[in-house]
C-alpha atoms as a PDB file:
ATOM      1  CA  MET A   1      37.317  29.529 -35.402  1.00  0.00           C
ATOM      2  CA  ARG A   2      37.318  33.181 -36.471  1.00  0.00           C
ATOM      3  CA  VAL A   3      34.347  33.930 -34.211  1.00  0.00           C
ATOM      4  CA  LEU A   4      35.586  32.051 -31.143  1.00  0.00           C
ATOM      5  CA  PRO A   5      37.190  35.154 -29.532  1.00  0.00           C
ATOM      6  CA  LEU A   6      33.982  37.135 -30.144  1.00  0.00           C
ATOM      7  CA  PHE A   7      31.936  34.267 -28.654  1.00  0.00           C
ATOM      8  CA  LEU A   8      34.105  34.195 -25.520  1.00  0.00           C
ATOM      9  CA  ILE A   9      33.949  37.972 -25.117  1.00  0.00           C
ATOM     10  CA  ILE A  10      30.164  38.033 -25.445  1.00  0.00           C
ATOM     11  CA  LEU A  11      29.864  35.065 -23.060  1.00  0.00           C
ATOM     12  CA  LEU A  12      31.982  36.899 -20.475  1.00  0.00           C
ATOM     13  CA  VAL A  13      29.983  40.125 -20.887  1.00  0.00           C
ATOM     14  CA  ASN A  14      26.770  38.072 -20.568  1.00  0.00           C
ATOM     15  CA  LEU A  15      27.915  36.563 -17.301  1.00  0.00           C
ATOM     16  CA  ILE A  16      28.924  39.947 -15.908  1.00  0.00           C
ATOM     17  CA  ILE A  17      25.845  41.972 -16.859  1.00  0.00           C
ATOM     18  CA  SER A  18      23.368  39.199 -16.032  1.00  0.00           C
ATOM     19  CA  ARG A  19      24.274  39.767 -12.369  1.00  0.00           C
ATOM     20  CA  SER A  20      22.403  43.084 -12.500  1.00  0.00           C
ATOM     21  CA  SER A  21      19.504  42.017 -14.691  1.00  0.00           C
ATOM     22  CA  GLY A  22      17.032  41.302 -11.893  1.00  0.00           C
ATOM     23  CA  TYR A  23      15.401  38.453 -13.801  1.00  0.00           C
ATOM     24  CA  ASN A  24      14.083  35.891 -11.336  1.00  0.00           C
ATOM     25  CA  PRO A  25      11.274  33.644 -12.575  1.00  0.00           C
ATOM     26  CA  ALA A  26       9.184  31.927  -9.905  1.00  0.00           C
ATOM     27  CA  GLY A  27       8.742  28.157  -9.872  1.00  0.00           C
ATOM     28  CA  THR A  28      10.356  25.311 -11.770  1.00  0.00           C
ATOM     29  CA  TYR A  29       8.079  25.567 -14.810  1.00  0.00           C
ATOM     30  CA  ASN A  30       8.755  29.291 -15.301  1.00  0.00           C
ATOM     31  CA  THR A  31      12.473  28.819 -14.683  1.00  0.00           C
ATOM     32  CA  VAL A  32      12.770  26.053 -17.292  1.00  0.00           C
ATOM     33  CA  ASN A  33      10.848  28.170 -19.792  1.00  0.00           C
ATOM     34  CA  PHE A  34      12.953  31.246 -19.004  1.00  0.00           C
ATOM     35  CA  VAL A  35      16.306  29.464 -19.172  1.00  0.00           C
ATOM     36  CA  LEU A  36      15.734  26.997 -22.021  1.00  0.00           C
ATOM     37  CA  CYS A  37      12.550  27.477 -24.040  1.00  0.00           C
ATOM     38  CA  PHE A  38      12.351  31.254 -24.382  1.00  0.00           C
ATOM     39  CA  PRO A  39      15.961  31.673 -25.590  1.00  0.00           C
ATOM     40  CA  VAL A  40      15.450  29.060 -28.320  1.00  0.00           C
ATOM     41  CA  PHE A  41      12.158  30.534 -29.531  1.00  0.00           C
ATOM     42  CA  GLU A  42      13.350  34.136 -29.266  1.00  0.00           C
ATOM     43  CA  GLU A  43      16.537  33.438 -31.196  1.00  0.00           C
ATOM     44  CA  ILE A  44      14.608  31.660 -33.938  1.00  0.00           C
ATOM     45  CA  ALA A  45      12.052  34.481 -34.141  1.00  0.00           C
ATOM     46  CA  PHE A  46      14.310  37.521 -33.858  1.00  0.00           C
ATOM     47  CA  ARG A  47      17.719  36.469 -35.201  1.00  0.00           C
ATOM     48  CA  GLY A  48      16.519  33.614 -37.416  1.00  0.00           C
ATOM     49  CA  LEU A  49      13.458  35.220 -39.027  1.00  0.00           C
ATOM     50  CA  ILE A  50      13.134  38.975 -38.420  1.00  0.00           C
ATOM     51  CA  LEU A  51      16.824  39.894 -38.760  1.00  0.00           C
ATOM     52  CA  PRO A  52      17.287  38.264 -42.189  1.00  0.00           C
ATOM     53  CA  ILE A  53      14.041  39.798 -43.461  1.00  0.00           C
ATOM     54  CA  LEU A  54      15.055  43.297 -42.349  1.00  0.00           C
ATOM     55  CA  ALA A  55      18.596  42.749 -43.641  1.00  0.00           C
ATOM     56  CA  ARG A  56      17.150  42.339 -47.156  1.00  0.00           C
ATOM     57  CA  HIS A  57      15.752  45.896 -46.978  1.00  0.00           C
ATOM     58  CA  PRO A  58      17.797  48.229 -49.237  1.00  0.00           C
ATOM     59  CA  VAL A  59      18.590  50.680 -46.423  1.00  0.00           C
ATOM     60  CA  LEU A  60      18.682  48.422 -43.368  1.00  0.00           C
ATOM     61  CA  GLY A  61      20.534  45.648 -45.155  1.00  0.00           C
ATOM     62  CA  GLN A  62      23.396  47.843 -46.242  1.00  0.00           C
ATOM     63  CA  LEU A  63      26.560  46.413 -44.750  1.00  0.00           C
ATOM     64  CA  HIS A  64      28.782  48.550 -42.591  1.00  0.00           C
ATOM     65  CA  SER A  65      32.324  47.257 -42.546  1.00  0.00           C
ATOM     66  CA  THR A  66      34.633  47.467 -39.600  1.00  0.00           C
ATOM     67  CA  SER A  67      38.107  46.045 -39.265  1.00  0.00           C
ATOM     68  CA  ILE A  68      36.611  43.013 -37.508  1.00  0.00           C
ATOM     69  CA  ILE A  69      33.131  42.363 -38.921  1.00  0.00           C
ATOM     70  CA  ASP A  70      30.538  43.427 -41.471  1.00  0.00           C
ATOM     71  CA  VAL A  71      27.152  44.240 -39.971  1.00  0.00           C
ATOM     72  CA  SER A  72      23.882  45.622 -41.282  1.00  0.00           C
ATOM     73  CA  GLY A  73      21.626  48.308 -39.902  1.00  0.00           C
ATOM     74  CA  ALA A  74      18.920  45.672 -39.412  1.00  0.00           C
ATOM     75  CA  ILE A  75      20.442  44.753 -36.046  1.00  0.00           C
ATOM     76  CA  LEU A  76      19.159  47.920 -34.331  1.00  0.00           C
ATOM     77  CA  PRO A  77      15.452  47.639 -35.236  1.00  0.00           C
ATOM     78  CA  THR A  78      15.557  43.901 -34.526  1.00  0.00           C
ATOM     79  CA  SER A  79      17.082  44.623 -31.104  1.00  0.00           C
ATOM     80  CA  LEU A  80      14.436  47.256 -30.432  1.00  0.00           C
ATOM     81  CA  LEU A  81      11.651  44.808 -31.319  1.00  0.00           C
ATOM     82  CA  PHE A  82      13.305  42.222 -29.089  1.00  0.00           C
ATOM     83  CA  ALA A  83      13.402  44.710 -26.197  1.00  0.00           C
ATOM     84  CA  VAL A  84       9.785  45.766 -26.671  1.00  0.00           C
ATOM     85  CA  SER A  85       8.702  42.117 -26.716  1.00  0.00           C
ATOM     86  CA  HIS A  86      10.025  41.816 -23.158  1.00  0.00           C
ATOM     87  CA  LEU A  87       7.563  44.466 -22.017  1.00  0.00           C
ATOM     88  CA  GLN A  88       4.681  41.992 -22.361  1.00  0.00           C
ATOM     89  CA  TYR A  89       5.380  40.600 -18.895  1.00  0.00           C
ATOM     90  CA  TYR A  90       5.595  43.918 -17.030  1.00  0.00           C
ATOM     91  CA  ARG A  91       3.924  47.261 -16.648  1.00  0.00           C
ATOM     92  CA  LEU A  92       5.934  50.187 -17.932  1.00  0.00           C
ATOM     93  CA  ASN A  93       8.005  51.267 -14.929  1.00  0.00           C
ATOM     94  CA  ARG A  94      11.651  51.616 -13.915  1.00  0.00           C
ATOM     95  CA  GLU A  95      12.152  47.857 -13.579  1.00  0.00           C
ATOM     96  CA  SER A  96      10.604  47.074 -16.965  1.00  0.00           C
ATOM     97  CA  VAL A  97      12.772  49.746 -18.611  1.00  0.00           C
ATOM     98  CA  ARG A  98      15.830  48.073 -17.049  1.00  0.00           C
ATOM     99  CA  PHE A  99      14.684  44.687 -18.436  1.00  0.00           C
ATOM    100  CA  MET A 100      14.185  46.261 -21.844  1.00  0.00           C
ATOM    101  CA  LEU A 101      17.669  47.808 -21.791  1.00  0.00           C
ATOM    102  CA  PHE A 102      19.179  44.408 -21.014  1.00  0.00           C
ATOM    103  CA  ALA A 103      17.124  42.859 -23.819  1.00  0.00           C
ATOM    104  CA  PHE A 104      18.155  45.639 -26.232  1.00  0.00           C
ATOM    105  CA  SER A 105      21.863  45.239 -25.472  1.00  0.00           C
ATOM    106  CA  GLY A 106      21.543  41.457 -25.690  1.00  0.00           C
ATOM    107  CA  GLY A 107      19.725  41.864 -28.999  1.00  0.00           C
ATOM    108  CA  ILE A 108      22.641  43.866 -30.369  1.00  0.00           C
ATOM    109  CA  PHE A 109      25.220  41.323 -29.208  1.00  0.00           C
ATOM    110  CA  PHE A 110      23.216  38.346 -30.412  1.00  0.00           C
ATOM    111  CA  GLY A 111      22.369  40.105 -33.690  1.00  0.00           C
ATOM    112  CA  LEU A 112      26.026  40.871 -34.355  1.00  0.00           C
ATOM    113  CA  PHE A 113      26.937  37.292 -33.656  1.00  0.00           C
ATOM    114  CA  ALA A 114      24.116  35.919 -35.824  1.00  0.00           C
ATOM    115  CA  GLN A 115      25.178  38.092 -38.751  1.00  0.00           C
ATOM    116  CA  VAL A 116      28.862  37.251 -38.435  1.00  0.00           C
ATOM    117  CA  THR A 117      28.267  33.506 -38.211  1.00  0.00           C
ATOM    118  CA  GLU A 118      25.102  33.418 -40.349  1.00  0.00           C
ATOM    119  CA  SER A 119      23.850  30.898 -37.803  1.00  0.00           C
ATOM    120  CA  LEU A 120      21.952  30.594 -34.532  1.00  0.00           C
ATOM    121  CA  LEU A 121      24.081  27.734 -33.249  1.00  0.00           C
ATOM    122  CA  LEU A 122      26.070  30.044 -30.993  1.00  0.00           C
ATOM    123  CA  THR A 123      23.482  32.728 -30.223  1.00  0.00           C
ATOM    124  CA  ILE A 124      21.146  30.186 -28.629  1.00  0.00           C
ATOM    125  CA  PRO A 125      23.738  28.987 -26.063  1.00  0.00           C
ATOM    126  CA  LEU A 126      24.737  32.608 -25.391  1.00  0.00           C
ATOM    127  CA  HIS A 127      21.111  33.491 -24.705  1.00  0.00           C
ATOM    128  CA  ILE A 128      20.663  30.407 -22.500  1.00  0.00           C
ATOM    129  CA  ALA A 129      23.850  31.320 -20.618  1.00  0.00           C
ATOM    130  CA  PHE A 130      22.586  34.862 -19.998  1.00  0.00           C
ATOM    131  CA  ASN A 131      19.184  33.756 -18.758  1.00  0.00           C
ATOM    132  CA  GLY A 132      20.632  30.899 -16.701  1.00  0.00           C
ATOM    133  CA  SER A 133      23.238  33.065 -15.020  1.00  0.00           C
ATOM    134  CA  ALA A 134      20.639  35.781 -14.316  1.00  0.00           C
ATOM    135  CA  VAL A 135      18.511  33.211 -12.481  1.00  0.00           C
ATOM    136  CA  TRP A 136      21.557  31.816 -10.682  1.00  0.00           C
ATOM    137  CA  TYR A 137      22.656  35.276  -9.495  1.00  0.00           C
ATOM    138  CA  ALA A 138      19.114  36.150  -8.382  1.00  0.00           C
ATOM    139  CA  ARG A 139      18.772  32.922  -6.402  1.00  0.00           C
ATOM    140  CA  ALA A 140      22.264  33.271  -4.882  1.00  0.00           C
ATOM    141  CA  SER A 141      21.487  36.834  -3.847  1.00  0.00           C
ATOM    142  CA  ALA A 142      18.154  35.796  -2.325  1.00  0.00           C
ATOM    143  CA  SER A 143      19.786  33.007  -0.292  1.00  0.00           C
ATOM    144  CA  LYS A 144      22.423  35.453   1.039  1.00  0.00           C
ATOM    145  CA  HIS A 145      19.638  37.774   2.215  1.00  0.00           C
ATOM    146  CA  LEU A 146      17.852  34.888   3.936  1.00  0.00           C
ATOM    147  CA  GLN A 147      21.042  33.871   5.761  1.00  0.00           C
ATOM    148  CA  ALA A 148      21.668  37.405   6.992  1.00  0.00           C
END
């Protein structure tokens, strides 16, 4: 219950910033992978495996306390790795940098949430919500342009 307000805030931020993400996979197969499969695998890999390993490092694992949560420095390198992993689909250009910035900010949010809850049970739906709303906004925008 302690993390419910943080979950709702991150969900709201996800829904707002996903509007500008530009993610728009083509075809049903790619859309299903983008919305469901990739978030599950990415959360397991980055927040379930890499983050805990880096958090055990003496420097990166040092907790920084705030009035709300305790976080480690491992969130930043994990978020950077997460962002760089999104470059595999694109050439390095303005659009790919934008995708990487979205992935980096999402990595920070999801990393914070994973460390606070010590679980992926809420980061996976947050990630699915971001990817799903990005696709929804892209498709809604495309249909508005076709009607005009």
